[in-house]
C-alpha atoms as a PDB file:
ATOM      1  CA  MET A   1      92.411 102.004 108.860  1.00  0.00           C
ATOM      2  CA  THR A   2      93.681 105.384 110.221  1.00  0.00           C
ATOM      3  CA  VAL A   3      96.907 106.498 109.372  1.00  0.00           C
ATOM      4  CA  THR A   4      98.603 107.773 112.434  1.00  0.00           C
ATOM      5  CA  ALA A   5     101.651 108.885 111.480  1.00  0.00           C
ATOM      6  CA  ASN A   6     103.110 110.778 108.231  1.00  0.00           C
ATOM      7  CA  ILE A   7     106.920 109.520 108.244  1.00  0.00           C
ATOM      8  CA  ASP A   8     108.645 111.432 105.596  1.00  0.00           C
ATOM      9  CA  SER A   9     112.549 110.905 104.765  1.00  0.00           C
ATOM     10  CA  SER A  10     112.674 113.660 102.748  1.00  0.00           C
ATOM     11  CA  ARG A  11     112.570 116.221 106.067  1.00  0.00           C
ATOM     12  CA  PRO A  12     115.569 116.675 107.825  1.00  0.00           C
ATOM     13  CA  VAL A  13     113.694 116.230 111.362  1.00  0.00           C
ATOM     14  CA  ALA A  14     114.814 114.842 114.522  1.00  0.00           C
ATOM     15  CA  THR A  15     112.735 111.551 115.397  1.00  0.00           C
ATOM     16  CA  LEU A  16     112.683 110.577 119.398  1.00  0.00           C
ATOM     17  CA  ILE A  17     112.341 106.739 119.961  1.00  0.00           C
ATOM     18  CA  ASN A  18     111.819 106.314 123.741  1.00  0.00           C
ATOM     19  CA  VAL A  19     111.212 102.819 124.674  1.00  0.00           C
ATOM     20  CA  PHE A  20     109.920 102.736 128.351  1.00  0.00           C
ATOM     21  CA  THR A  21     109.726  99.521 130.244  1.00  0.00           C
ATOM     22  CA  VAL A  22     107.108  99.256 132.475  1.00  0.00           C
ATOM     23  CA  PRO A  23     105.246  96.790 135.055  1.00  0.00           C
ATOM     24  CA  PRO A  24     101.936  96.181 132.881  1.00  0.00           C
ATOM     25  CA  GLU A  25      99.464  96.937 135.445  1.00  0.00           C
ATOM     26  CA  ARG A  26     101.254 100.739 135.263  1.00  0.00           C
ATOM     27  CA  GLN A  27     101.351 100.579 131.362  1.00  0.00           C
ATOM     28  CA  GLN A  28      97.962 103.029 130.933  1.00  0.00           C
ATOM     29  CA  GLU A  29      99.080 105.163 133.830  1.00  0.00           C
ATOM     30  CA  LEU A  30     102.277 105.940 131.655  1.00  0.00           C
ATOM     31  CA  ILE A  31     100.579 106.407 128.437  1.00  0.00           C
ATOM     32  CA  ASP A  32      97.803 108.523 130.317  1.00  0.00           C
ATOM     33  CA  LEU A  33     100.870 110.569 131.724  1.00  0.00           C
ATOM     34  CA  LEU A  34     102.645 110.898 128.339  1.00  0.00           C
ATOM     35  CA  ALA A  35      99.680 111.909 126.569  1.00  0.00           C
ATOM     36  CA  GLN A  36      98.698 114.262 129.260  1.00  0.00           C
ATOM     37  CA  ALA A  37     102.460 116.189 129.258  1.00  0.00           C
ATOM     38  CA  THR A  38     102.004 116.289 125.524  1.00  0.00           C
ATOM     39  CA  GLU A  39      98.717 118.050 125.727  1.00  0.00           C
ATOM     40  CA  THR A  40      99.967 120.547 128.279  1.00  0.00           C
ATOM     41  CA  THR A  41     103.598 121.196 128.006  1.00  0.00           C
ATOM     42  CA  MET A  42     105.495 119.170 124.781  1.00  0.00           C
ATOM     43  CA  ARG A  43     103.070 120.274 122.135  1.00  0.00           C
ATOM     44  CA  HIS A  44     103.966 124.092 122.848  1.00  0.00           C
ATOM     45  CA  GLN A  45     107.911 123.603 122.852  1.00  0.00           C
ATOM     46  CA  PRO A  46     109.456 125.453 119.785  1.00  0.00           C
ATOM     47  CA  GLY A  47     110.108 122.887 117.082  1.00  0.00           C
ATOM     48  CA  PHE A  48     107.520 120.441 118.370  1.00  0.00           C
ATOM     49  CA  ILE A  49     105.727 118.196 115.104  1.00  0.00           C
ATOM     50  CA  CYS A  50     103.871 115.384 116.914  1.00  0.00           C
ATOM     51  CA  ALA A  51     104.081 112.606 119.248  1.00  0.00           C
ATOM     52  CA  ASN A  52     103.051 109.005 119.003  1.00  0.00           C
ATOM     53  CA  PHE A  53     102.501 106.243 121.814  1.00  0.00           C
ATOM     54  CA  HIS A  54     102.443 102.892 121.528  1.00  0.00           C
ATOM     55  CA  ALA A  55     101.599 100.305 123.887  1.00  0.00           C
ATOM     56  CA  SER A  56     102.886  96.693 123.321  1.00  0.00           C
ATOM     57  CA  ARG A  57     100.383  93.842 123.488  1.00  0.00           C
ATOM     58  CA  ASP A  58     102.384  92.587 126.630  1.00  0.00           C
ATOM     59  CA  GLY A  59     101.913  95.359 128.808  1.00  0.00           C
ATOM     60  CA  GLN A  60     105.325  95.674 129.374  1.00  0.00           C
ATOM     61  CA  ARG A  61     106.454  98.447 127.223  1.00  0.00           C
ATOM     62  CA  VAL A  62     105.627 101.877 125.961  1.00  0.00           C
ATOM     63  CA  ILE A  63     107.114 103.570 122.886  1.00  0.00           C
ATOM     64  CA  ASN A  64     107.019 107.483 122.424  1.00  0.00           C
ATOM     65  CA  TYR A  65     107.798 107.949 118.461  1.00  0.00           C
ATOM     66  CA  ALA A  66     108.053 111.478 118.195  1.00  0.00           C
ATOM     67  CA  GLN A  67     109.288 114.245 116.024  1.00  0.00           C
ATOM     68  CA  TRP A  68     111.116 117.887 116.271  1.00  0.00           C
ATOM     69  CA  GLU A  69     112.134 119.971 113.731  1.00  0.00           C
ATOM     70  CA  SER A  70     115.491 119.448 114.491  1.00  0.00           C
ATOM     71  CA  GLU A  71     117.992 118.189 117.229  1.00  0.00           C
ATOM     72  CA  GLU A  72     118.474 121.411 118.717  1.00  0.00           C
ATOM     73  CA  HIS A  73     114.974 121.968 119.368  1.00  0.00           C
ATOM     74  CA  TYR A  74     114.704 118.479 121.016  1.00  0.00           C
ATOM     75  CA  TRP A  75     117.752 119.417 123.265  1.00  0.00           C
ATOM     76  CA  ALA A  76     115.739 122.793 124.200  1.00  0.00           C
ATOM     77  CA  MET A  77     113.027 120.912 125.415  1.00  0.00           C
ATOM     78  CA  ARG A  78     115.163 118.531 127.451  1.00  0.00           C
ATOM     79  CA  ALA A  79     116.391 121.902 129.024  1.00  0.00           C
ATOM     80  CA  ASP A  80     113.129 123.122 129.778  1.00  0.00           C
ATOM     81  CA  PRO A  81     112.343 122.749 133.738  1.00  0.00           C
ATOM     82  CA  GLU A  82     108.501 122.505 132.848  1.00  0.00           C
ATOM     83  CA  ALA A  83     109.439 119.640 130.433  1.00  0.00           C
ATOM     84  CA  GLN A  84     111.850 118.265 132.905  1.00  0.00           C
ATOM     85  CA  ILE A  85     109.048 117.735 135.436  1.00  0.00           C
ATOM     86  CA  HIS A  86     106.870 115.198 132.921  1.00  0.00           C
ATOM     87  CA  MET A  87     110.134 113.507 132.160  1.00  0.00           C
ATOM     88  CA  ASP A  88     111.006 112.620 135.765  1.00  0.00           C
ATOM     89  CA  GLU A  89     107.486 111.869 136.706  1.00  0.00           C
ATOM     90  CA  ALA A  90     107.424 109.234 134.042  1.00  0.00           C
ATOM     91  CA  ALA A  91     110.776 107.963 134.974  1.00  0.00           C
ATOM     92  CA  THR A  92     109.165 107.104 138.339  1.00  0.00           C
ATOM     93  CA  ILE A  93     106.712 104.961 136.742  1.00  0.00           C
ATOM     94  CA  ALA A  94     108.808 103.222 134.092  1.00  0.00           C
ATOM     95  CA  THR A  95     111.501 100.796 135.375  1.00  0.00           C
ATOM     96  CA  ASP A  96     113.757 101.650 132.438  1.00  0.00           C
ATOM     97  CA  VAL A  97     113.891 104.600 130.017  1.00  0.00           C
ATOM     98  CA  GLN A  98     115.886 104.693 126.409  1.00  0.00           C
ATOM     99  CA  PRO A  99     115.308 107.570 124.614  1.00  0.00           C
ATOM    100  CA  ARG A 100     117.428 108.026 121.172  1.00  0.00           C
ATOM    101  CA  LEU A 101     117.275 110.231 118.572  1.00  0.00           C
ATOM    102  CA  PHE A 102     117.005 109.022 115.030  1.00  0.00           C
ATOM    103  CA  THR A 103     116.877 110.050 111.077  1.00  0.00           C
ATOM    104  CA  VAL A 104     114.527 108.771 108.884  1.00  0.00           C
ATOM    105  CA  VAL A 105     116.704 107.146 106.574  1.00  0.00           C
ATOM    106  CA  SER A 106     114.179 105.146 104.333  1.00  0.00           C
ATOM    107  CA  HIS A 107     110.592 105.046 103.832  1.00  0.00           C
ATOM    108  CA  HIS A 108     108.358 102.781 102.204  1.00  0.00           C
ATOM    109  CA  PRO A 109     104.798 103.285 102.294  1.00  0.00           C
ATOM    110  CA  ARG A 110     101.868 101.435 100.883  1.00  0.00           C
ATOM    111  CA  PRO A 111     100.984 101.670  97.425  1.00  0.00           C
END
C-alpha cells in the first residue's frame, strides 16, 4: 500500500479541507481541473506544501486536502488573481464548495 499523505501534528501548518459537491458525471472533470491548477499554479505559490484529491465512491464529492506553511500563505494564495481563476472555474463545475482551514491536533499512524 502506498502512503499518499504525511500528516504530522507537530508541524504548525494550515490544513485546507475543501469539500466540493458535484454531479457524478462531472466528478472526474473537477479532479482533472484541480490537478491541472495545482501543477500550473498552486504548487508555485509561496508556502505551498502539498495537495491531495479524494473522489467519493458515489461520485458526488471531491475533497481537496492541502497543506500550507501558514494561514497567511493560504490567504495570500486566495488573493492571487491567477489562483482565483482556477477557483472560479472549479465553482462552475461544483454545485457547492465548502473550504475550511484546520489544524492537525492528533495523529495516530499505523505502528
